[in-house]
Amino acid sequence: MSPDKISIIIPVYNVEPYIRRCLDSVIHQTYTNLEILCINDGSTDLSGKICEEYAARDKRIKVFHKKNGGLPSARNEGIKNITGKYVGFVDSDDWIEPEMYEILYKLVKSKNVLVSAVNFFTATDTYSTPRKNTRIIPERRLSQEDMLLYIYRLDLYNGFHVTVWNKLFSAELFSCGKLNFDETLTAAGEDVLFTAQAFMTKNCTGAYSDKALYHYYQRDTSLVHSSKLNSFIYNGSLKAHKMVEDLFSKNGYDDFAMLAKKEICYYASYIADLAIKSGDKKVLSFMQKEMRDYLSAYTEVYSEYPERIERINKLIELEPVNINGMREF
């Protein structure tokens, strides 16, 4: 019996310096029964042409050109065109190890599950460092509750993560037409909501390998602008975790709702740090209120990390007027 086809969705937008590395890593997978869907999301550089060049050499590659709509929109366009039994996602500035999809496929088949996941590297131009789990994820069939715990306790299970690109999903999850990416979310918020919804699907089970196989490339993001801060607040992980908290609460997942509240507090602190660096007094004040609102959940979940709780409290108590470079409003 021939192996099942895997559809790999690659959103592409202005990644001319990186797209060849990405595509080379995908076409040279040891698992060869692939459908590679490159979604050119209105690139203004040569990214789309490079995809067409690769498609002319490898019949498994299909290129779709669309008006720019953002990462969730590009992924949704890919989902509309899948013909495989399983679906994977690769971001176009990242790359993968040759055996990644072979291992992911063997996991879903051997454990008879709908989702499989592998560990990953944090990568720059000079190094790739594998993520480390503080606690071991067992090599067995994972329940919904297992997987939801792993994505909401990153302090313990940092290799499993909430991201979609280190996972393989059964196309069954998409067959009802309800599972897709929220196109109002950005800045990783789309993954937060999508993964929670996928894992909450009836009878969803999973499997995990701690072998790091995906290289998550981090570009220089040292410059923080007001538009980026607004994206984090109104369209990013902060908004997404609030949506997930509401989803958990409405469906009786009270323990996970508490974990989502903890994440809201954390992301508010992250945005507060960015506001301090960029001198945005208004955003800092807004995030201080968010941290106060969710501090009790953060304190309850992270009771064994007094230094983290102390950090949050210091941010809450910080007087914006004492910050060098803080803008006046």
Protein backbone atom coordinates (compact mmCIF):
# COMPACT_ATOMS: atom_id res chain seq x y z
CA MET A 1 0.00 0.00 0.00
CA SER A 2 1.43 3.38 -0.99
CA PRO A 3 1.85 5.98 1.78
CA ASP A 4 -0.73 8.72 2.19
CA LYS A 5 -0.25 12.08 0.53
CA ILE A 6 0.76 14.99 2.78
CA SER A 7 -0.21 18.52 1.77
CA ILE A 8 2.33 21.10 2.92
CA ILE A 9 1.14 24.72 2.97
CA ILE A 10 3.83 27.41 2.62
CA PRO A 11 2.62 31.04 2.86
CA VAL A 12 5.01 33.29 0.92
CA TYR A 13 5.40 37.04 1.32
CA ASN A 14 8.57 39.01 0.49
CA VAL A 15 11.00 36.29 1.57
CA GLU A 16 13.36 36.41 -1.41
CA PRO A 17 16.50 35.88 0.74
CA TYR A 18 15.02 32.79 2.47
CA ILE A 19 12.55 31.01 0.18
CA ARG A 20 15.10 28.84 -1.66
CA ARG A 21 16.43 27.45 1.63
CA CYS A 22 12.88 26.67 2.71
CA LEU A 23 11.83 25.00 -0.55
CA ASP A 24 15.06 23.00 -0.80
CA SER A 25 14.43 21.55 2.66
CA VAL A 26 10.87 20.57 1.74
CA ILE A 27 11.51 19.00 -1.67
CA HIS A 28 14.34 16.89 -0.25
CA GLN A 29 12.23 15.23 2.42
CA THR A 30 12.75 11.49 2.85
CA TYR A 31 8.94 11.22 2.76
CA THR A 32 8.27 11.90 -0.91
CA ASN A 33 4.48 11.65 -1.37
CA LEU A 34 3.99 15.39 -0.92
CA GLU A 35 1.79 18.11 -2.31
CA ILE A 36 3.58 21.43 -1.78
CA LEU A 37 1.23 24.43 -1.91
CA CYS A 38 3.07 27.75 -2.17
CA ILE A 39 0.67 30.62 -1.50
CA ASN A 40 2.21 33.83 -2.83
CA ASP A 41 0.46 36.44 -0.71
CA GLY A 42 1.02 39.48 -2.93
CA SER A 43 4.82 39.55 -2.71
CA THR A 44 6.46 42.64 -4.21
CA ASP A 45 9.90 41.02 -4.52
CA LEU A 46 10.96 37.93 -6.51
CA SER A 47 9.47 35.41 -4.05
CA GLY A 48 6.58 34.44 -6.35
CA LYS A 49 8.87 33.98 -9.36
CA ILE A 50 11.22 31.79 -7.34
CA CYS A 51 8.27 29.58 -6.37
CA GLU A 52 7.30 29.29 -10.05
CA GLU A 53 10.89 28.37 -10.87
CA TYR A 54 10.78 25.51 -8.36
CA ALA A 55 7.33 24.40 -9.58
CA ALA A 56 8.74 24.07 -13.12
CA ARG A 57 11.31 21.60 -11.76
CA ASP A 58 9.16 19.67 -9.27
CA LYS A 59 5.63 18.66 -10.24
CA ARG A 60 4.65 18.29 -6.57
CA ILE A 61 4.78 22.08 -6.19
CA LYS A 62 1.70 24.18 -6.94
CA VAL A 63 1.86 27.97 -6.78
CA PHE A 64 -1.13 30.17 -6.01
CA HIS A 65 -0.93 33.95 -6.38
CA LYS A 66 -3.28 36.14 -4.39
CA LYS A 67 -3.71 39.69 -3.17
CA ASN A 68 -1.93 40.35 0.10
CA GLY A 69 -4.13 39.36 3.02
CA GLY A 70 -1.71 38.27 5.72
CA LEU A 71 -0.46 34.93 7.01
CA PRO A 72 -3.85 33.52 8.17
CA SER A 73 -5.41 34.39 4.82
CA ALA A 74 -2.60 32.64 2.92
CA ARG A 75 -2.89 29.53 5.07
CA ASN A 76 -6.65 29.45 4.54
CA GLU A 77 -6.11 29.65 0.79
CA GLY A 78 -3.86 26.63 1.11
CA ILE A 79 -6.42 24.71 3.15
CA LYS A 80 -9.00 25.27 0.37
CA ASN A 81 -6.71 23.51 -2.10
CA ILE A 82 -5.41 20.50 -0.15
CA THR A 83 -5.87 17.02 -1.62
CA GLY A 84 -3.72 15.11 0.88
CA LYS A 85 -4.84 12.98 3.80
CA TYR A 86 -2.59 14.95 6.15
CA VAL A 87 -1.66 18.63 6.33
CA GLY A 88 1.51 20.38 7.45
CA PHE A 89 2.58 24.03 7.57
CA VAL A 90 6.02 25.51 6.92
CA ASP A 91 6.74 29.23 7.13
CA SER A 92 8.77 30.46 4.18
CA ASP A 93 11.70 31.90 6.14
CA ASP A 94 12.13 28.64 8.10
CA TRP A 95 13.53 25.25 7.07
CA ILE A 96 13.14 21.62 8.11
CA GLU A 97 15.28 18.54 8.61
CA PRO A 98 15.08 15.88 5.82
CA GLU A 99 13.22 13.29 7.91
CA MET A 100 10.69 15.61 9.54
CA TYR A 101 7.57 14.54 7.66
CA GLU A 102 8.58 10.88 7.65
CA ILE A 103 8.74 10.97 11.45
CA LEU A 104 5.51 12.95 11.79
CA TYR A 105 3.72 10.52 9.48
CA LYS A 106 5.00 7.44 11.32
CA LEU A 107 3.78 8.98 14.58
CA VAL A 108 0.19 9.53 13.41
CA LYS A 109 0.01 6.06 11.87
CA SER A 110 1.67 4.09 14.66
CA LYS A 111 -0.34 5.79 17.42
CA ASN A 112 -3.54 6.08 15.33
CA VAL A 113 -3.99 9.77 16.15
CA LEU A 114 -5.14 12.94 14.37
CA VAL A 115 -2.16 15.15 15.25
CA SER A 116 1.57 14.56 15.63
CA ALA A 117 4.25 16.99 16.78
CA VAL A 118 8.03 17.20 16.98
CA ASN A 119 10.47 19.40 18.84
CA PHE A 120 12.11 22.33 17.04
CA PHE A 121 15.14 24.63 16.91
CA THR A 122 15.24 28.35 17.54
CA ALA A 123 17.48 29.52 14.70
CA THR A 124 19.40 32.63 13.65
CA ASP A 125 21.97 33.23 10.93
CA THR A 126 24.67 31.74 13.15
CA TYR A 127 23.10 28.96 15.26
CA SER A 128 20.14 26.62 15.81
CA THR A 129 19.31 25.69 19.40
CA PRO A 130 16.80 22.90 20.21
CA ARG A 131 14.00 23.65 22.65
CA LYS A 132 14.05 21.76 25.93
CA ASN A 133 11.12 20.32 27.87
CA THR A 134 11.45 20.59 31.65
CA ARG A 135 9.19 17.55 31.98
CA ILE A 136 9.17 14.52 29.71
CA ILE A 137 6.31 14.13 27.25
CA PRO A 138 5.52 10.40 27.18
CA GLU A 139 5.86 8.43 23.94
CA ARG A 140 2.27 7.25 23.96
CA ARG A 141 -1.12 8.26 22.61
CA LEU A 142 -1.89 11.74 23.94
CA SER A 143 -5.38 12.82 24.95
CA GLN A 144 -6.99 16.21 24.29
CA GLU A 145 -6.23 17.21 27.86
CA ASP A 146 -2.59 16.18 27.48
CA MET A 147 -2.11 18.34 24.40
CA LEU A 148 -3.95 21.36 25.80
CA LEU A 149 -1.76 21.17 28.89
CA TYR A 150 1.41 21.01 26.79
CA ILE A 151 0.58 24.16 24.80
CA TYR A 152 -0.40 26.14 27.92
CA ARG A 153 2.49 25.17 30.17
CA LEU A 154 5.38 26.31 28.03
CA ASP A 155 7.54 26.53 31.13
CA LEU A 156 7.31 22.74 31.34
CA TYR A 157 6.75 21.62 27.72
CA ASN A 158 8.53 24.18 25.56
CA GLY A 159 9.22 21.76 22.71
CA PHE A 160 5.58 20.88 21.99
CA HIS A 161 4.41 24.49 21.76
CA VAL A 162 1.27 26.17 20.41
CA THR A 163 2.69 26.62 16.90
CA VAL A 164 1.29 24.75 13.87
CA TRP A 165 4.50 24.37 11.87
CA ASN A 166 6.03 21.60 14.02
CA LYS A 167 2.91 19.46 13.66
CA LEU A 168 1.04 17.25 11.20
CA PHE A 169 -2.76 17.38 11.14
CA SER A 170 -5.20 14.84 9.74
CA ALA A 171 -7.25 16.39 6.94
CA GLU A 172 -10.31 15.03 8.80
CA LEU A 173 -10.03 18.04 11.08
CA PHE A 174 -10.65 20.37 8.13
CA SER A 175 -13.42 18.37 6.46
CA CYS A 176 -16.28 20.10 8.26
CA GLY A 177 -15.10 23.49 7.02
CA LYS A 178 -15.12 25.02 10.50
CA LEU A 179 -11.43 24.73 11.30
CA ASN A 180 -9.38 27.50 9.73
CA PHE A 181 -7.26 30.48 10.69
CA ASP A 182 -8.91 33.62 12.06
CA GLU A 183 -7.90 36.31 9.57
CA THR A 184 -8.29 39.09 12.14
CA LEU A 185 -5.35 37.70 14.14
CA THR A 186 -1.65 38.36 13.56
CA ALA A 187 1.67 38.19 15.42
CA ALA A 188 1.33 34.46 16.25
CA GLY A 189 -2.21 34.93 17.56
CA GLU A 190 -3.56 32.90 14.64
CA ASP A 191 -1.65 29.81 15.84
CA VAL A 192 -2.86 30.24 19.42
CA LEU A 193 -6.54 30.07 18.47
CA PHE A 194 -6.19 27.51 15.67
CA THR A 195 -4.27 24.96 17.75
CA ALA A 196 -6.69 25.21 20.68
CA GLN A 197 -9.66 24.74 18.34
CA ALA A 198 -7.99 21.77 16.62
CA PHE A 199 -7.23 20.03 19.91
CA MET A 200 -10.78 20.63 21.15
CA THR A 201 -12.21 18.82 18.14
CA LYS A 202 -14.11 15.69 19.17
CA ASN A 203 -11.89 12.60 19.51
CA CYS A 204 -8.71 14.56 18.78
CA THR A 205 -5.64 12.68 20.02
CA GLY A 206 -1.94 13.16 19.36
CA ALA A 207 1.65 11.91 19.56
CA TYR A 208 5.02 13.60 20.07
CA SER A 209 8.70 13.06 19.31
CA ASP A 210 11.30 15.06 21.21
CA LYS A 211 13.61 15.04 18.20
CA ALA A 212 14.10 18.63 16.97
CA LEU A 213 13.34 18.76 13.24
CA TYR A 214 12.01 22.25 12.44
CA HIS A 215 14.21 25.38 12.32
CA TYR A 216 12.24 28.43 13.48
CA TYR A 217 14.19 31.37 12.08
CA GLN A 218 14.12 34.57 14.11
CA ARG A 219 14.91 37.75 12.24
CA ASP A 220 16.06 40.93 13.94
CA THR A 221 13.02 42.41 15.70
CA SER A 222 14.85 44.90 17.89
CA LEU A 223 13.02 47.89 16.44
CA VAL A 224 9.58 48.36 17.97
CA HIS A 225 7.11 50.74 16.36
CA SER A 226 3.67 51.87 17.53
CA SER A 227 2.01 49.93 14.69
CA LYS A 228 3.69 46.74 15.92
CA LEU A 229 2.56 47.36 19.48
CA ASN A 230 -1.01 47.90 18.28
CA SER A 231 -0.82 44.65 16.33
CA PHE A 232 0.27 42.76 19.46
CA ILE A 233 -2.56 44.31 21.48
CA TYR A 234 -5.51 44.26 19.11
CA ASN A 235 -4.70 41.39 16.74
CA GLY A 236 -1.98 39.26 18.33
CA SER A 237 -1.54 36.74 21.09
CA LEU A 238 -3.18 38.92 23.74
CA LYS A 239 -6.46 38.99 21.81
CA ALA A 240 -6.12 35.34 20.80
CA HIS A 241 -5.67 34.12 24.37
CA LYS A 242 -8.74 36.08 25.42
CA MET A 243 -10.68 34.32 22.65
CA VAL A 244 -9.32 30.96 23.80
CA GLU A 245 -10.14 31.71 27.44
CA ASP A 246 -13.71 32.46 26.39
CA LEU A 247 -13.80 29.24 24.32
CA PHE A 248 -12.59 27.17 27.27
CA SER A 249 -14.99 28.80 29.72
CA LYS A 250 -18.02 28.24 27.48
CA ASN A 251 -17.13 24.56 26.97
CA GLY A 252 -16.41 23.67 30.60
CA TYR A 253 -12.61 23.54 30.33
CA ASP A 254 -12.19 25.55 33.55
CA ASP A 255 -8.64 24.45 34.33
CA PHE A 256 -7.48 25.43 30.87
CA ALA A 257 -9.37 28.72 31.08
CA MET A 258 -7.17 29.49 34.09
CA LEU A 259 -4.07 28.68 32.03
CA ALA A 260 -5.29 30.97 29.25
CA LYS A 261 -5.75 33.79 31.78
CA LYS A 262 -2.18 33.20 32.91
CA GLU A 263 -1.03 33.64 29.31
CA ILE A 264 -3.01 36.88 28.97
CA CYS A 265 -1.12 38.26 31.96
CA TYR A 266 2.19 37.10 30.50
CA TYR A 267 1.58 38.66 27.07
CA ALA A 268 0.47 41.90 28.69
CA SER A 269 3.84 41.95 30.47
CA TYR A 270 5.64 41.21 27.19
CA ILE A 271 3.90 44.11 25.46
CA ALA A 272 4.64 46.30 28.50
CA ASP A 273 8.35 45.56 28.03
CA LEU A 274 8.08 46.54 24.36
CA ALA A 275 6.26 49.74 25.34
CA ILE A 276 9.07 50.64 27.73
CA LYS A 277 11.69 50.08 25.00
CA SER A 278 9.78 52.21 22.51
CA GLY A 279 8.78 54.89 25.04
CA ASP A 280 5.05 54.33 24.63
CA LYS A 281 3.50 55.61 27.87
CA LYS A 282 -0.10 54.99 26.79
CA VAL A 283 0.45 51.32 25.92
CA LEU A 284 2.35 50.70 29.15
CA SER A 285 -0.54 52.09 31.19
CA PHE A 286 -3.02 49.92 29.26
CA MET A 287 -0.93 46.78 29.81
CA GLN A 288 -0.58 47.51 33.51
CA LYS A 289 -4.36 47.35 33.79
CA GLU A 290 -4.40 44.05 31.87
CA MET A 291 -1.78 42.58 34.19
CA ARG A 292 -3.76 43.63 37.26
CA ASP A 293 -6.91 42.01 35.87
CA TYR A 294 -5.22 38.63 35.33
CA LEU A 295 -2.58 38.66 38.07
CA SER A 296 -4.46 36.23 40.32
CA ALA A 297 -4.46 33.52 37.63
CA TYR A 298 -0.78 34.12 36.89
CA THR A 299 0.08 33.93 40.58
CA GLU A 300 -1.90 30.72 41.08
CA VAL A 301 -0.38 28.89 38.10
CA TYR A 302 3.17 30.14 38.67
CA SER A 303 3.26 29.91 42.46
CA GLU A 304 6.52 27.95 42.21
CA TYR A 305 8.16 30.83 40.28
CA PRO A 306 8.30 33.76 42.74
CA GLU A 307 10.77 35.62 40.50
CA ARG A 308 8.22 35.68 37.66
CA ILE A 309 5.49 36.98 39.91
CA GLU A 310 7.88 39.63 41.23
CA ARG A 311 8.64 40.73 37.66
CA ILE A 312 4.93 41.21 36.91
CA ASN A 313 4.40 43.17 40.11
CA LYS A 314 7.33 45.46 39.32
CA LEU A 315 5.87 46.20 35.89
CA ILE A 316 2.47 46.92 37.40
CA GLU A 317 3.95 49.31 39.96
CA LEU A 318 6.25 51.08 37.50
CA GLU A 319 5.62 54.81 37.12
CA PRO A 320 5.78 55.70 33.40
CA VAL A 321 7.09 59.20 34.16
CA ASN A 322 10.29 57.65 35.52
CA ILE A 323 11.17 55.89 32.28
CA ASN A 324 13.83 57.55 30.14
CA GLY A 325 12.56 58.46 26.72
CA MET A 326 8.88 57.88 27.60
CA ARG A 327 6.66 59.97 25.34
CA GLU A 328 4.03 62.29 26.73
CA PHE A 329 0.42 62.03 25.52
